[in-house]
Each structure stands twice: as C-alpha cells, then as structure tokens.
PDB file of N, CA and C in Angstrom:
ATOM      1  N   MET A   1       0.844  -1.179   0.000  1.00  0.00           N
ATOM      2  CA  MET A   1       0.000   0.000   0.000  1.00  0.00           C
ATOM      3  C   MET A   1       0.886   1.238   0.000  1.00  0.00           C
ATOM      4  N   GLY A   2       0.603   2.211  -0.884  1.00  0.00           N
ATOM      5  CA  GLY A   2       1.423   3.406  -1.000  1.00  0.00           C
ATOM      6  C   GLY A   2       1.082   4.440   0.059  1.00  0.00           C
ATOM      7  N   LEU A   3       1.835   5.508   0.021  1.00  0.00           N
ATOM      8  CA  LEU A   3       1.588   6.590   0.958  1.00  0.00           C
ATOM      9  C   LEU A   3       0.314   7.326   0.566  1.00  0.00           C
ATOM     10  N   THR A   4      -0.469   7.690   1.568  1.00  0.00           N
ATOM     11  CA  THR A   4      -1.692   8.430   1.327  1.00  0.00           C
ATOM     12  C   THR A   4      -1.380   9.915   1.316  1.00  0.00           C
ATOM     13  N   GLN A   5      -1.856  10.603   0.294  1.00  0.00           N
ATOM     14  CA  GLN A   5      -1.640  12.035   0.200  1.00  0.00           C
ATOM     15  C   GLN A   5      -2.581  12.756   1.157  1.00  0.00           C
ATOM     16  N   ILE A   6      -2.033  13.694   1.915  1.00  0.00           N
ATOM     17  CA  ILE A   6      -2.845  14.545   2.782  1.00  0.00           C
ATOM     18  C   ILE A   6      -2.592  15.977   2.358  1.00  0.00           C
ATOM     19  N   LYS A   7      -3.657  16.647   1.966  1.00  0.00           N
ATOM     20  CA  LYS A   7      -3.547  18.029   1.503  1.00  0.00           C
ATOM     21  C   LYS A   7      -4.380  18.902   2.431  1.00  0.00           C
ATOM     22  N   THR A   8      -3.810  20.011   2.859  1.00  0.00           N
ATOM     23  CA  THR A   8      -4.530  20.957   3.714  1.00  0.00           C
ATOM     24  C   THR A   8      -4.829  22.206   2.909  1.00  0.00           C
ATOM     25  N   VAL A   9      -6.091  22.629   2.953  1.00  0.00           N
ATOM     26  CA  VAL A   9      -6.516  23.840   2.246  1.00  0.00           C
ATOM     27  C   VAL A   9      -7.391  24.681   3.162  1.00  0.00           C
ATOM     28  N   THR A  10      -7.414  25.974   2.916  1.00  0.00           N
ATOM     29  CA  THR A  10      -8.325  26.845   3.663  1.00  0.00           C
ATOM     30  C   THR A  10      -9.726  26.658   3.100  1.00  0.00           C
ATOM     31  N   SER A  11     -10.718  27.070   3.862  1.00  0.00           N
ATOM     32  CA  SER A  11     -12.098  26.947   3.376  1.00  0.00           C
ATOM     33  C   SER A  11     -12.293  27.777   2.106  1.00  0.00           C
ATOM     34  N   ARG A  12     -11.631  28.901   2.022  1.00  0.00           N
ATOM     35  CA  ARG A  12     -11.725  29.746   0.821  1.00  0.00           C
ATOM     36  C   ARG A  12     -11.128  29.025  -0.389  1.00  0.00           C
ATOM     37  N   GLU A  13      -9.946  28.399  -0.206  1.00  0.00           N
ATOM     38  CA  GLU A  13      -9.324  27.643  -1.297  1.00  0.00           C
ATOM     39  C   GLU A  13     -10.221  26.487  -1.729  1.00  0.00           C
ATOM     40  N   PHE A  14     -10.837  25.823  -0.751  1.00  0.00           N
ATOM     41  CA  PHE A  14     -11.728  24.700  -1.054  1.00  0.00           C
ATOM     42  C   PHE A  14     -12.901  25.149  -1.913  1.00  0.00           C
ATOM     43  N   VAL A  15     -13.545  26.238  -1.513  1.00  0.00           N
ATOM     44  CA  VAL A  15     -14.712  26.747  -2.251  1.00  0.00           C
ATOM     45  C   VAL A  15     -14.332  27.115  -3.679  1.00  0.00           C
ATOM     46  N   HIS A  16     -13.151  27.683  -3.847  1.00  0.00           N
ATOM     47  CA  HIS A  16     -12.738  28.134  -5.177  1.00  0.00           C
ATOM     48  C   HIS A  16     -12.186  27.016  -6.052  1.00  0.00           C
ATOM     49  N   ASN A  17     -11.853  25.860  -5.462  1.00  0.00           N
ATOM     50  CA  ASN A  17     -11.294  24.779  -6.275  1.00  0.00           C
ATOM     51  C   ASN A  17     -11.724  23.416  -5.727  1.00  0.00           C
ATOM     52  N   VAL A  18     -13.037  23.200  -5.683  1.00  0.00           N
ATOM     53  CA  VAL A  18     -13.589  21.942  -5.193  1.00  0.00           C
ATOM     54  C   VAL A  18     -13.089  20.767  -6.031  1.00  0.00           C
ATOM     55  N   SER A  19     -12.965  20.953  -7.325  1.00  0.00           N
ATOM     56  CA  SER A  19     -12.561  19.841  -8.190  1.00  0.00           C
ATOM     57  C   SER A  19     -11.165  19.337  -7.841  1.00  0.00           C
ATOM     58  N   ALA A  20     -10.257  20.216  -7.433  1.00  0.00           N
ATOM     59  CA  ALA A  20      -8.912  19.762  -7.042  1.00  0.00           C
ATOM     60  C   ALA A  20      -8.989  18.925  -5.775  1.00  0.00           C
ATOM     61  N   ALA A  21      -9.819  19.331  -4.825  1.00  0.00           N
ATOM     62  CA  ALA A  21      -9.988  18.566  -3.581  1.00  0.00           C
ATOM     63  C   ALA A  21     -10.616  17.204  -3.886  1.00  0.00           C
ATOM     64  N   LYS A  22     -11.611  17.186  -4.754  1.00  0.00           N
ATOM     65  CA  LYS A  22     -12.242  15.916  -5.136  1.00  0.00           C
ATOM     66  C   LYS A  22     -11.235  14.991  -5.798  1.00  0.00           C
ATOM     67  N   ARG A  23     -10.370  15.545  -6.605  1.00  0.00           N
ATOM     68  CA  ARG A  23      -9.358  14.748  -7.301  1.00  0.00           C
ATOM     69  C   ARG A  23      -8.426  14.064  -6.286  1.00  0.00           C
ATOM     70  N   VAL A  24      -8.020  14.785  -5.238  1.00  0.00           N
ATOM     71  CA  VAL A  24      -7.162  14.193  -4.204  1.00  0.00           C
ATOM     72  C   VAL A  24      -7.880  13.029  -3.538  1.00  0.00           C
ATOM     73  N   ALA A  25      -9.158  13.231  -3.169  1.00  0.00           N
ATOM     74  CA  ALA A  25      -9.926  12.163  -2.520  1.00  0.00           C
ATOM     75  C   ALA A  25     -10.184  10.999  -3.475  1.00  0.00           C
ATOM     76  N   ASP A  26     -10.466  11.298  -4.734  1.00  0.00           N
ATOM     77  CA  ASP A  26     -10.681  10.232  -5.729  1.00  0.00           C
ATOM     78  C   ASP A  26      -9.448   9.346  -5.871  1.00  0.00           C
ATOM     79  N   GLU A  27      -8.277   9.923  -5.657  1.00  0.00           N
ATOM     80  CA  GLU A  27      -7.023   9.174  -5.775  1.00  0.00           C
ATOM     81  C   GLU A  27      -6.651   8.497  -4.455  1.00  0.00           C
ATOM     82  N   GLY A  28      -7.567   8.543  -3.465  1.00  0.00           N
ATOM     83  CA  GLY A  28      -7.321   7.866  -2.198  1.00  0.00           C
ATOM     84  C   GLY A  28      -6.728   8.739  -1.117  1.00  0.00           C
ATOM     85  N   GLY A  29      -6.574  10.017  -1.381  1.00  0.00           N
ATOM     86  CA  GLY A  29      -5.988  10.932  -0.410  1.00  0.00           C
ATOM     87  C   GLY A  29      -7.022  11.550   0.515  1.00  0.00           C
ATOM     88  N   THR A  30      -6.549  12.407   1.384  1.00  0.00           N
ATOM     89  CA  THR A  30      -7.392  13.112   2.346  1.00  0.00           C
ATOM     90  C   THR A  30      -7.164  14.604   2.186  1.00  0.00           C
ATOM     91  N   VAL A  31      -8.253  15.364   2.247  1.00  0.00           N
ATOM     92  CA  VAL A  31      -8.158  16.819   2.207  1.00  0.00           C
ATOM     93  C   VAL A  31      -8.647  17.343   3.548  1.00  0.00           C
ATOM     94  N   ILE A  32      -7.787  18.082   4.228  1.00  0.00           N
ATOM     95  CA  ILE A  32      -8.149  18.722   5.483  1.00  0.00           C
ATOM     96  C   ILE A  32      -8.506  20.167   5.154  1.00  0.00           C
ATOM     97  N   ILE A  33      -9.693  20.594   5.563  1.00  0.00           N
ATOM     98  CA  ILE A  33     -10.158  21.953   5.291  1.00  0.00           C
ATOM     99  C   ILE A  33     -10.100  22.728   6.595  1.00  0.00           C
ATOM    100  N   THR A  34      -9.447  23.894   6.547  1.00  0.00           N
ATOM    101  CA  THR A  34      -9.294  24.699   7.747  1.00  0.00           C
ATOM    102  C   THR A  34     -10.200  25.916   7.710  1.00  0.00           C
ATOM    103  N   ASN A  35     -10.526  26.406   8.875  1.00  0.00           N
ATOM    104  CA  ASN A  35     -11.283  27.634   9.032  1.00  0.00           C
ATOM    105  C   ASN A  35     -10.541  28.468  10.066  1.00  0.00           C
ATOM    106  N   ARG A  36     -10.032  29.598   9.630  1.00  0.00           N
ATOM    107  CA  ARG A  36      -9.239  30.477  10.496  1.00  0.00           C
ATOM    108  C   ARG A  36      -8.046  29.743  11.106  1.00  0.00           C
ATOM    109  N   GLY A  37      -7.441  28.908  10.289  1.00  0.00           N
ATOM    110  CA  GLY A  37      -6.231  28.214  10.700  1.00  0.00           C
ATOM    111  C   GLY A  37      -6.443  26.922  11.470  1.00  0.00           C
ATOM    112  N   GLU A  38      -7.679  26.594  11.813  1.00  0.00           N
ATOM    113  CA  GLU A  38      -7.977  25.379  12.563  1.00  0.00           C
ATOM    114  C   GLU A  38      -8.619  24.344  11.653  1.00  0.00           C
ATOM    115  N   PRO A  39      -8.168  23.085  11.702  1.00  0.00           N
ATOM    116  CA  PRO A  39      -8.812  22.045  10.903  1.00  0.00           C
ATOM    117  C   PRO A  39     -10.260  21.856  11.348  1.00  0.00           C
ATOM    118  N   THR A  40     -11.189  21.885  10.397  1.00  0.00           N
ATOM    119  CA  THR A  40     -12.607  21.742  10.741  1.00  0.00           C
ATOM    120  C   THR A  40     -13.298  20.604  10.006  1.00  0.00           C
ATOM    121  N   LEU A  41     -12.810  20.259   8.823  1.00  0.00           N
ATOM    122  CA  LEU A  41     -13.457  19.224   8.022  1.00  0.00           C
ATOM    123  C   LEU A  41     -12.408  18.358   7.344  1.00  0.00           C
ATOM    124  N   ALA A  42     -12.818  17.139   6.991  1.00  0.00           N
ATOM    125  CA  ALA A  42     -11.943  16.257   6.228  1.00  0.00           C
ATOM    126  C   ALA A  42     -12.738  15.643   5.090  1.00  0.00           C
ATOM    127  N   LEU A  43     -12.178  15.669   3.920  1.00  0.00           N
ATOM    128  CA  LEU A  43     -12.770  15.030   2.744  1.00  0.00           C
ATOM    129  C   LEU A  43     -11.963  13.767   2.489  1.00  0.00           C
ATOM    130  N   ILE A  44     -12.645  12.616   2.578  1.00  0.00           N
ATOM    131  CA  ILE A  44     -11.973  11.326   2.423  1.00  0.00           C
ATOM    132  C   ILE A  44     -12.753  10.469   1.430  1.00  0.00           C
ATOM    133  N   PRO A  45     -12.096   9.467   0.851  1.00  0.00           N
ATOM    134  CA  PRO A  45     -12.807   8.567  -0.065  1.00  0.00           C
ATOM    135  C   PRO A  45     -13.926   7.817   0.682  1.00  0.00           C
ATOM    136  N   ILE A  46     -15.013   7.515  -0.004  1.00  0.00           N
ATOM    137  CA  ILE A  46     -16.160   6.850   0.616  1.00  0.00           C
ATOM    138  C   ILE A  46     -15.773   5.488   1.192  1.00  0.00           C
ATOM    139  N   ALA A  47     -14.874   4.779   0.546  1.00  0.00           N
ATOM    140  CA  ALA A  47     -14.448   3.469   1.063  1.00  0.00           C
ATOM    141  C   ALA A  47     -13.788   3.625   2.436  1.00  0.00           C
ATOM    142  N   GLU A  48     -13.006   4.676   2.593  1.00  0.00           N
ATOM    143  CA  GLU A  48     -12.358   4.929   3.881  1.00  0.00           C
ATOM    144  C   GLU A  48     -13.400   5.311   4.934  1.00  0.00           C
ATOM    145  N   TYR A  49     -14.379   6.126   4.545  1.00  0.00           N
ATOM    146  CA  TYR A  49     -15.463   6.499   5.459  1.00  0.00           C
ATOM    147  C   TYR A  49     -16.222   5.250   5.919  1.00  0.00           C
ATOM    148  N   GLN A  50     -16.560   4.378   4.980  1.00  0.00           N
ATOM    149  CA  GLN A  50     -17.288   3.156   5.321  1.00  0.00           C
ATOM    150  C   GLN A  50     -16.463   2.249   6.221  1.00  0.00           C
ATOM    151  N   ARG A  51     -15.157   2.196   5.976  1.00  0.00           N
ATOM    152  CA  ARG A  51     -14.288   1.388   6.828  1.00  0.00           C
ATOM    153  C   ARG A  51     -14.259   1.958   8.252  1.00  0.00           C
ATOM    154  N   LEU A  52     -14.171   3.275   8.355  1.00  0.00           N
ATOM    155  CA  LEU A  52     -14.089   3.911   9.675  1.00  0.00           C
ATOM    156  C   LEU A  52     -15.393   3.830  10.452  1.00  0.00           C
ATOM    157  N   THR A  53     -16.512   3.907   9.746  1.00  0.00           N
ATOM    158  CA  THR A  53     -17.808   3.924  10.429  1.00  0.00           C
ATOM    159  C   THR A  53     -18.531   2.595  10.346  1.00  0.00           C
ATOM    160  N   LYS A  54     -17.960   1.656   9.596  1.00  0.00           N
ATOM    161  CA  LYS A  54     -18.623   0.375   9.369  1.00  0.00           C
ATOM    162  C   LYS A  54     -20.055   0.630   8.896  1.00  0.00           C
ATOM    163  N   ALA A  55     -20.175   1.544   7.923  1.00  0.00           N
ATOM    164  CA  ALA A  55     -21.469   1.996   7.431  1.00  0.00           C
ATOM    165  C   ALA A  55     -22.292   0.882   6.791  1.00  0.00           C
ATOM    166  N   GLY A  56     -21.711  -0.278   6.578  1.00  0.00           N
ATOM    167  CA  GLY A  56     -22.453  -1.381   5.999  1.00  0.00           C
ATOM    168  C   GLY A  56     -23.482  -1.967   6.941  1.00  0.00           C
ATOM    169  N   LYS A  57     -23.373  -1.654   8.224  1.00  0.00           N
ATOM    170  CA  LYS A  57     -24.314  -2.187   9.208  1.00  0.00           C
ATOM    171  C   LYS A  57     -25.577  -1.338   9.248  1.00  0.00           C
ATOM    172  N   ASN A  58     -26.677  -1.980   9.611  1.00  0.00           N
ATOM    173  CA  ASN A  58     -27.877  -1.198   9.850  1.00  0.00           C
ATOM    174  C   ASN A  58     -27.906  -0.823  11.326  1.00  0.00           C
ATOM    175  N   ILE A  59     -28.847  -0.012  11.731  1.00  0.00           N
ATOM    176  CA  ILE A  59     -28.893   0.491  13.103  1.00  0.00           C
ATOM    177  C   ILE A  59     -29.081  -0.630  14.115  1.00  0.00           C
ATOM    178  N   ILE A  60     -29.845  -1.656  13.773  1.00  0.00           N
ATOM    179  CA  ILE A  60     -30.065  -2.779  14.689  1.00  0.00           C
ATOM    180  C   ILE A  60     -28.752  -3.515  14.939  1.00  0.00           C
ATOM    181  N   ASP A  61     -28.002  -3.794  13.866  1.00  0.00           N
ATOM    182  CA  ASP A  61     -26.713  -4.472  14.020  1.00  0.00           C
ATOM    183  C   ASP A  61     -25.724  -3.611  14.802  1.00  0.00           C
ATOM    184  N   ALA A  62     -25.759  -2.301  14.560  1.00  0.00           N
ATOM    185  CA  ALA A  62     -24.831  -1.407  15.237  1.00  0.00           C
ATOM    186  C   ALA A  62     -25.103  -1.343  16.739  1.00  0.00           C
ATOM    187  N   LEU A  63     -26.368  -1.431  17.136  1.00  0.00           N
ATOM    188  CA  LEU A  63     -26.723  -1.316  18.548  1.00  0.00           C
ATOM    189  C   LEU A  63     -26.768  -2.655  19.273  1.00  0.00           C
ATOM    190  N   ARG A  64     -26.782  -3.734  18.525  1.00  0.00           N
ATOM    191  CA  ARG A  64     -26.896  -5.059  19.133  1.00  0.00           C
ATOM    192  C   ARG A  64     -25.661  -5.393  19.956  1.00  0.00           C
ATOM    193  N   MET A  65     -25.885  -5.996  21.098  1.00  0.00           N
ATOM    194  CA  MET A  65     -24.792  -6.404  21.973  1.00  0.00           C
ATOM    195  C   MET A  65     -24.800  -7.922  22.041  1.00  0.00           C
ATOM    196  N   PRO A  66     -23.966  -8.604  21.260  1.00  0.00           N
ATOM    197  CA  PRO A  66     -23.981 -10.068  21.245  1.00  0.00           C
ATOM    198  C   PRO A  66     -23.779 -10.673  22.630  1.00  0.00           C
ATOM    199  N   GLU A  67     -23.013 -10.014  23.489  1.00  0.00           N
ATOM    200  CA  GLU A  67     -22.785 -10.553  24.833  1.00  0.00           C
ATOM    201  C   GLU A  67     -24.063 -10.567  25.672  1.00  0.00           C
ATOM    202  N   ALA A  68     -25.077  -9.804  25.271  1.00  0.00           N
ATOM    203  CA  ALA A  68     -26.339  -9.761  26.018  1.00  0.00           C
ATOM    204  C   ALA A  68     -27.134 -11.054  25.843  1.00  0.00           C
ATOM    205  N   ASP A  69     -26.797 -11.864  24.830  1.00  0.00           N
ATOM    206  CA  ASP A  69     -27.497 -13.128  24.614  1.00  0.00           C
ATOM    207  C   ASP A  69     -27.351 -14.077  25.797  1.00  0.00           C
ATOM    208  N   ALA A  70     -26.332 -13.877  26.615  1.00  0.00           N
ATOM    209  CA  ALA A  70     -26.092 -14.749  27.765  1.00  0.00           C
ATOM    210  C   ALA A  70     -27.068 -14.469  28.916  1.00  0.00           C
ATOM    211  N   TYR A  71     -27.830 -13.388  28.822  1.00  0.00           N
ATOM    212  CA  TYR A  71     -28.737 -13.002  29.901  1.00  0.00           C
ATOM    213  C   TYR A  71     -30.185 -13.156  29.462  1.00  0.00           C
ATOM    214  N   ASP A  72     -31.022 -13.637  30.377  1.00  0.00           N
ATOM    215  CA  ASP A  72     -32.448 -13.752  30.113  1.00  0.00           C
ATOM    216  C   ASP A  72     -33.128 -12.563  30.790  1.00  0.00           C
ATOM    217  N   ILE A  73     -33.548 -11.610  29.982  1.00  0.00           N
ATOM    218  CA  ILE A  73     -34.127 -10.380  30.528  1.00  0.00           C
ATOM    219  C   ILE A  73     -35.588 -10.296  30.116  1.00  0.00           C
ATOM    220  N   GLU A  74     -36.447 -10.082  31.085  1.00  0.00           N
ATOM    221  CA  GLU A  74     -37.863  -9.880  30.824  1.00  0.00           C
ATOM    222  C   GLU A  74     -38.198  -8.423  31.175  1.00  0.00           C
ATOM    223  N   PRO A  75     -38.315  -7.562  30.175  1.00  0.00           N
ATOM    224  CA  PRO A  75     -38.639  -6.166  30.481  1.00  0.00           C
ATOM    225  C   PRO A  75     -40.067  -6.051  31.019  1.00  0.00           C
ATOM    226  N   ILE A  76     -40.267  -5.102  31.911  1.00  0.00           N
ATOM    227  CA  ILE A  76     -41.611  -4.863  32.444  1.00  0.00           C
ATOM    228  C   ILE A  76     -42.111  -3.529  31.919  1.00  0.00           C
ATOM    229  N   ARG A  77     -43.400  -3.450  31.704  1.00  0.00           N
ATOM    230  CA  ARG A  77     -43.998  -2.219  31.199  1.00  0.00           C
ATOM    231  C   ARG A  77     -44.317  -1.302  32.369  1.00  0.00           C
ATOM    232  N   ILE A  78     -43.972  -0.043  32.206  1.00  0.00           N
ATOM    233  CA  ILE A  78     -44.255   0.961  33.225  1.00  0.00           C
ATOM    234  C   ILE A  78     -45.181   1.993  32.599  1.00  0.00           C
ATOM    235  N   ASP A  79     -46.361   2.181  33.191  1.00  0.00           N
ATOM    236  CA  ASP A  79     -47.285   3.223  32.728  1.00  0.00           C
ATOM    237  C   ASP A  79     -47.037   4.484  33.524  1.00  0.00           C
ATOM    238  N   VAL A  80     -46.810   5.584  32.808  1.00  0.00           N
ATOM    239  CA  VAL A  80     -46.562   6.867  33.445  1.00  0.00           C
ATOM    240  C   VAL A  80     -47.794   7.724  33.202  1.00  0.00           C
ATOM    241  N   GLN A  81     -48.395   8.200  34.261  1.00  0.00           N
ATOM    242  CA  GLN A  81     -49.604   9.023  34.162  1.00  0.00           C
ATOM    243  C   GLN A  81     -49.236  10.499  34.007  1.00  0.00           C
ATOM    244  N   GLY A  82     -49.995  11.196  33.180  1.00  0.00           N
ATOM    245  CA  GLY A  82     -49.837  12.643  33.053  1.00  0.00           C
ATOM    246  C   GLY A  82     -48.704  13.099  32.156  1.00  0.00           C
ATOM    247  N   VAL A  83     -48.035  12.199  31.473  1.00  0.00           N
ATOM    248  CA  VAL A  83     -46.964  12.600  30.585  1.00  0.00           C
ATOM    249  C   VAL A  83     -47.557  13.114  29.283  1.00  0.00           C
ATOM    250  N   GLY A  84     -47.093  14.263  28.846  1.00  0.00           N
ATOM    251  CA  GLY A  84     -47.545  14.841  27.579  1.00  0.00           C
ATOM    252  C   GLY A  84     -48.853  15.605  27.708  1.00  0.00           C
ATOM    253  N   ALA A  85     -49.334  15.787  28.908  1.00  0.00           N
ATOM    254  CA  ALA A  85     -50.602  16.519  29.086  1.00  0.00           C
ATOM    255  C   ALA A  85     -50.367  17.999  29.148  1.00  0.00           C
TER     256      ALA A  85
END
C-alpha cells in the first residue's frame, strides 16, 4: 500500500477549487479543510469512510450487543400518568 496524500486547504481555497480537492480524494488521499487556521473538516474517499464507520451495518446491528445473549431479561412495562398533558 502506498503513501496516502494529505492536503490541507483553507475553506476559501476549497470553495474556489472543489474539483482539485475531489481529485485528491478520488485518488485515495485526504483533504483537510481549515477555518481560520484550525482544521474543521476532512474530505476522504467513501471506502475509507465506510471502513471507519462500518457503514455497511444497519442500526439494529450497530446497537446489538452479542454478549447480552447470555442473559435472560424480561422487560416490564411501566405506565406513566400525566406525561404529555
């Protein structure tokens, strides 16, 4: 695997040359966008985003706790009076 290009641009530079930033990300690089000298945003390839967030999972899979299968839990219903009145 080769070195990943990281390019830093100001928000003004980004707005004026979005296609150059897209080109860096399309080639597998990262673009850091700064605002008043502070990094605020990162433009990364979608494959990298999916790897970092495991975006292939749905919300149920993301929240599921496989270790909870070892416990037998019977939730009880609680009626709350006067809520939303």
